[in-house]
């Protein structure tokens, strides 16, 4: 049973940024019945906006980290707050969880630098990250080191954790998820573009698009259908992608969506 069982948000009709995201137009109401939940959708569809709102309500640093990683200056979030957080309501079972981690790929460099600063006073801090500076590891190694050493129990809110991972490392990350979630020690909320990662067995997948935020299955996601279509016939896609004056507005997904409009 997941720790966080539902989330909802309404009443932000007068917020120009939030109202500019089509998936939020009808408000948000998600029931979370599994320990692993994926948010999928195009760039700008609202996945990260919702994730960071959940993280703020969990009192995690919006730059990445847990409740003890106060690597912001001045205000708790360094002058930045989630637009969605004031409207978001979370329901917990049986109680609110304070352990966990918010990881966002785009600010991981700053998080690694923050850990290095702390380690100047106490080198033992690095034991929680594989025993050496995250900057002394490759990008992918540092990500996996964080996942393997820092993740123990709680709620893990991850924004594109696959960003630095090779396909083999994504599979290794899935093994970390499996060990924690099957033991009942952890819940994962993950925004991702990875067709490998969302194949995780038994996970819930929520699609963010102009129809709102709706639960779907793996083979109905564009991640699966577009990737499969490309791997089945890459030359078909590449031939049209490199054509000048392409009528598909330069969007690769349009090749799949309009597959019936041309011959292989």
Protein backbone atom coordinates (compact mmCIF):
# COMPACT_ATOMS: atom_id res chain seq x y z
CA UNK A 1 0.00 0.00 0.00
CA UNK A 2 1.54 3.36 -0.96
CA UNK A 3 2.18 6.02 1.69
CA UNK A 4 0.72 8.81 -0.44
CA UNK A 5 -2.71 7.61 -1.56
CA UNK A 6 -4.18 10.58 -3.39
CA UNK A 7 -3.55 14.14 -4.46
CA UNK A 8 -5.85 16.87 -5.66
CA UNK A 9 -5.69 20.49 -6.70
CA UNK A 10 -8.42 22.96 -7.63
CA UNK A 11 -9.06 26.69 -7.39
CA UNK A 12 -6.15 27.91 -9.48
CA UNK A 13 -8.29 29.32 -12.29
CA UNK A 14 -6.82 32.79 -11.81
CA UNK A 15 -3.20 31.63 -11.96
CA UNK A 16 -1.94 32.40 -15.49
CA UNK A 17 0.95 29.94 -15.45
CA UNK A 18 -1.06 26.97 -14.18
CA UNK A 19 -3.99 27.75 -16.45
CA UNK A 20 -1.60 27.76 -19.38
CA UNK A 21 -0.97 24.04 -18.91
CA UNK A 22 -3.72 22.08 -20.73
CA UNK A 23 -3.49 18.98 -18.54
CA UNK A 24 -4.50 21.11 -15.51
CA UNK A 25 -7.59 22.72 -17.05
CA UNK A 26 -10.06 20.46 -15.24
CA UNK A 27 -8.19 20.41 -11.95
CA UNK A 28 -6.21 17.47 -10.59
CA UNK A 29 -7.49 14.36 -8.85
CA UNK A 30 -5.23 11.31 -8.76
CA UNK A 31 -5.65 8.15 -6.74
CA UNK A 32 -2.38 6.35 -6.11
CA UNK A 33 -2.84 2.64 -5.55
CA UNK A 34 0.66 1.38 -6.36
CA UNK A 35 4.11 1.95 -4.95
CA UNK A 36 5.51 3.02 -8.32
CA UNK A 37 3.79 5.73 -10.37
CA UNK A 38 5.05 7.28 -13.59
CA UNK A 39 4.08 10.66 -15.04
CA UNK A 40 4.48 10.77 -18.83
CA UNK A 41 3.74 13.37 -21.47
CA UNK A 42 5.32 15.93 -23.77
CA UNK A 43 7.71 18.61 -22.56
CA UNK A 44 5.68 21.35 -20.91
CA UNK A 45 2.74 19.08 -20.13
CA UNK A 46 2.92 19.72 -16.36
CA UNK A 47 4.77 16.66 -15.06
CA UNK A 48 7.59 18.54 -13.36
CA UNK A 49 5.24 21.24 -12.09
CA UNK A 50 3.17 18.66 -10.25
CA UNK A 51 6.21 16.77 -8.97
CA UNK A 52 7.82 19.84 -7.46
CA UNK A 53 4.51 20.77 -5.80
CA UNK A 54 4.42 17.34 -4.15
CA UNK A 55 8.05 17.78 -3.10
CA UNK A 56 7.36 21.17 -1.53
CA UNK A 57 4.38 19.79 0.38
CA UNK A 58 6.73 17.05 1.66
CA UNK A 59 9.11 19.86 2.73
CA UNK A 60 11.93 18.65 0.49
CA UNK A 61 14.31 21.17 -1.04
CA UNK A 62 13.12 22.20 -4.48
CA UNK A 63 16.73 22.19 -5.65
CA UNK A 64 16.92 18.51 -4.81
CA UNK A 65 17.45 16.53 -1.64
CA UNK A 66 15.52 15.62 1.50
CA UNK A 67 14.23 17.70 4.40
CA UNK A 68 17.74 18.00 5.85
CA UNK A 69 19.34 19.35 2.68
CA UNK A 70 18.92 23.07 3.24
CA UNK A 71 21.22 24.19 0.46
CA UNK A 72 19.17 27.26 -0.33
CA UNK A 73 19.97 30.72 0.93
CA UNK A 74 17.58 33.12 2.57
CA UNK A 75 14.06 31.79 2.10
CA UNK A 76 13.73 28.02 2.39
CA UNK A 77 13.47 27.67 -1.39
CA UNK A 78 15.97 30.38 -2.30
CA UNK A 79 13.36 32.77 -3.71
CA UNK A 80 11.62 30.06 -5.71
CA UNK A 81 8.44 28.30 -4.73
CA UNK A 82 6.18 25.85 -6.50
CA UNK A 83 3.24 27.57 -8.20
CA UNK A 84 1.04 24.52 -7.67
CA UNK A 85 1.92 23.75 -4.02
CA UNK A 86 -0.54 26.20 -2.38
CA UNK A 87 -3.44 24.47 -4.18
CA UNK A 88 -2.29 20.89 -3.68
CA UNK A 89 -3.79 18.55 -1.09
CA UNK A 90 -2.14 15.24 -0.21
CA UNK A 91 -3.74 12.24 1.51
CA UNK A 92 -1.53 9.80 3.39
CA UNK A 93 -1.93 6.25 4.71
CA UNK A 94 -1.68 5.89 7.60
CA UNK A 95 0.35 9.03 8.33
CA UNK A 96 2.38 11.66 6.55
CA UNK A 97 5.84 10.45 5.55
CA UNK A 98 8.76 12.80 6.14
CA UNK A 99 11.55 10.55 4.86
CA UNK A 100 12.49 10.45 1.20
CA UNK A 101 14.16 12.50 -1.49
CA UNK A 102 13.39 14.88 -4.33
CA UNK A 103 15.73 14.41 -7.29
CA UNK A 104 15.68 16.61 -10.36
CA UNK A 105 18.19 15.90 -13.09
CA UNK A 106 18.54 19.57 -14.10
CA UNK A 107 19.88 20.66 -10.70
CA UNK A 108 21.87 17.56 -9.78
CA UNK A 109 25.20 19.34 -10.36
CA UNK A 110 24.30 21.91 -7.69
CA UNK A 111 23.22 19.17 -5.31
CA UNK A 112 26.55 17.36 -5.78
CA UNK A 113 28.42 20.62 -5.09
CA UNK A 114 26.39 21.11 -1.91
CA UNK A 115 27.33 17.63 -0.67
CA UNK A 116 31.00 18.39 -1.38
CA UNK A 117 30.73 21.54 0.74
CA UNK A 118 29.31 19.54 3.64
CA UNK A 119 32.02 16.89 3.23
CA UNK A 120 34.76 19.49 3.82
CA UNK A 121 33.76 19.41 7.50
CA UNK A 122 32.89 15.72 7.71
CA UNK A 123 34.13 13.27 5.08
CA UNK A 124 31.81 10.60 6.46
CA UNK A 125 28.95 12.34 4.67
CA UNK A 126 30.25 10.86 1.41
CA UNK A 127 29.58 7.33 2.73
CA UNK A 128 25.93 7.91 1.85
CA UNK A 129 26.95 8.52 -1.78
CA UNK A 130 29.28 5.61 -2.48
CA UNK A 131 32.24 6.87 -0.44
CA UNK A 132 33.45 9.56 -2.85
CA UNK A 133 32.37 12.87 -4.28
CA UNK A 134 29.54 12.70 -6.77
CA UNK A 135 31.63 15.02 -8.94
CA UNK A 136 34.41 12.41 -8.94
CA UNK A 137 32.11 9.96 -10.69
CA UNK A 138 30.70 10.02 -14.18
CA UNK A 139 27.27 11.58 -14.58
CA UNK A 140 25.58 8.19 -14.82
CA UNK A 141 27.65 6.69 -12.01
CA UNK A 142 26.78 9.56 -9.69
CA UNK A 143 23.06 9.13 -10.39
CA UNK A 144 23.18 5.41 -9.71
CA UNK A 145 25.37 5.97 -6.65
CA UNK A 146 22.71 8.27 -5.24
CA UNK A 147 19.95 5.75 -5.96
CA UNK A 148 21.88 2.77 -4.56
CA UNK A 149 23.27 4.40 -1.42
CA UNK A 150 20.88 7.16 -0.40
CA UNK A 151 17.54 5.51 -1.07
CA UNK A 152 16.38 3.41 1.90
CA UNK A 153 12.81 4.18 2.93
CA UNK A 154 10.27 6.89 2.35
CA UNK A 155 8.78 8.64 -0.66
CA UNK A 156 11.03 9.30 -3.67
CA UNK A 157 10.02 12.04 -6.09
CA UNK A 158 12.19 11.85 -9.19
CA UNK A 159 12.20 14.15 -12.22
CA UNK A 160 13.75 12.43 -15.25
CA UNK A 161 16.14 10.17 -13.31
CA UNK A 162 17.08 8.44 -16.58
CA UNK A 163 18.71 11.61 -17.93
CA UNK A 164 22.29 10.42 -17.35
CA UNK A 165 21.73 6.67 -17.41
CA UNK A 166 22.63 4.24 -20.17
CA UNK A 167 20.02 1.57 -20.97
CA UNK A 168 21.96 -0.90 -18.81
CA UNK A 169 22.05 1.57 -15.90
CA UNK A 170 18.31 2.17 -16.26
CA UNK A 171 17.81 -1.55 -15.73
CA UNK A 172 20.07 -1.39 -12.66
CA UNK A 173 17.98 1.49 -11.36
CA UNK A 174 14.83 -0.57 -11.87
CA UNK A 175 16.39 -3.26 -9.66
CA UNK A 176 16.88 -0.63 -6.93
CA UNK A 177 13.23 0.39 -7.26
CA UNK A 178 12.13 -3.23 -7.06
CA UNK A 179 14.12 -3.98 -3.92
CA UNK A 180 12.66 -1.03 -2.06
CA UNK A 181 9.06 -0.97 -3.25
CA UNK A 182 8.41 -4.72 -2.91
CA UNK A 183 9.63 -4.57 0.68
CA UNK A 184 7.04 -1.90 1.40
CA UNK A 185 9.75 0.57 2.43
CA UNK A 186 9.39 3.04 -0.40
CA UNK A 187 7.05 4.74 -2.82
CA UNK A 188 8.20 6.27 -6.11
CA UNK A 189 6.67 9.10 -8.12
CA UNK A 190 8.67 9.52 -11.33
CA UNK A 191 8.38 11.86 -14.31
CA UNK A 192 10.15 10.26 -17.24
CA UNK A 193 10.56 10.04 -21.00
CA UNK A 194 12.14 6.59 -20.89
CA UNK A 195 10.22 3.78 -22.66
CA UNK A 196 12.38 1.30 -20.74
CA UNK A 197 11.69 2.72 -17.30
CA UNK A 198 7.91 2.88 -17.65
CA UNK A 199 7.92 -0.83 -18.47
CA UNK A 200 8.48 -1.49 -14.75
CA UNK A 201 6.03 -4.28 -13.85
CA UNK A 202 2.90 -3.33 -11.93
CA UNK A 203 3.50 0.41 -12.12
CA UNK A 204 0.76 2.98 -12.62
CA UNK A 205 1.21 5.35 -15.57
CA UNK A 206 -0.51 8.74 -15.81
CA UNK A 207 -0.55 10.51 -19.16
CA UNK A 208 -0.44 14.34 -19.14
CA UNK A 209 -2.01 15.93 -22.23
CA UNK A 210 -4.83 18.18 -23.44
CA UNK A 211 -7.39 15.68 -22.08
CA UNK A 212 -6.11 16.11 -18.54
CA UNK A 213 -4.20 13.57 -16.45
CA UNK A 214 -5.48 10.09 -17.16
CA UNK A 215 -4.20 6.67 -16.17
CA UNK A 216 -3.09 4.53 -19.10
CA UNK A 217 -1.23 1.30 -19.81
CA UNK A 218 2.29 0.83 -21.09
CA UNK A 219 1.49 -0.14 -24.67
CA UNK A 220 -0.89 2.81 -25.07
CA UNK A 221 1.79 5.39 -24.31
CA UNK A 222 3.46 7.30 -27.10
CA UNK A 223 6.77 6.30 -25.48
CA UNK A 224 6.05 2.68 -26.42
CA UNK A 225 4.29 3.12 -29.75
CA UNK A 226 6.67 5.71 -31.18
CA UNK A 227 9.80 3.87 -30.00
CA UNK A 228 8.54 0.56 -31.32
CA UNK A 229 7.59 2.09 -34.67
CA UNK A 230 11.01 3.68 -34.98
CA UNK A 231 12.92 0.52 -34.08
CA UNK A 232 10.78 -1.53 -36.47
CA UNK A 233 11.60 0.79 -39.36
CA UNK A 234 14.16 3.53 -38.54
CA UNK A 235 14.82 4.30 -42.21
CA UNK A 236 11.20 5.31 -42.68
CA UNK A 237 11.47 7.94 -39.95
CA UNK A 238 14.92 9.16 -40.87
CA UNK A 239 14.04 9.54 -44.55
CA UNK A 240 11.21 11.92 -43.72
CA UNK A 241 13.03 13.72 -40.91
CA UNK A 242 15.81 14.88 -43.20
CA UNK A 243 13.52 15.97 -46.04
CA UNK A 244 13.37 19.72 -46.59
CA UNK A 245 10.00 21.47 -46.32
CA UNK A 246 8.61 18.58 -44.30
CA UNK A 247 4.88 19.06 -43.79
CA UNK A 248 5.05 17.60 -40.29
CA UNK A 249 6.42 20.76 -38.63
CA UNK A 250 9.67 19.08 -37.68
CA UNK A 251 8.13 17.02 -34.88
CA UNK A 252 9.33 13.38 -34.99
CA UNK A 253 6.19 12.12 -33.26
CA UNK A 254 4.14 13.46 -36.15
CA UNK A 255 5.78 10.85 -38.36
CA UNK A 256 4.22 8.15 -36.25
CA UNK A 257 0.88 9.90 -35.87
CA UNK A 258 0.64 10.40 -39.64
CA UNK A 259 2.08 7.02 -40.52
CA UNK A 260 -0.84 6.22 -42.84
CA UNK A 261 -0.24 9.33 -44.95
CA UNK A 262 2.76 7.99 -46.80
CA UNK A 263 4.26 4.75 -48.05
CA UNK A 264 7.29 3.06 -46.53
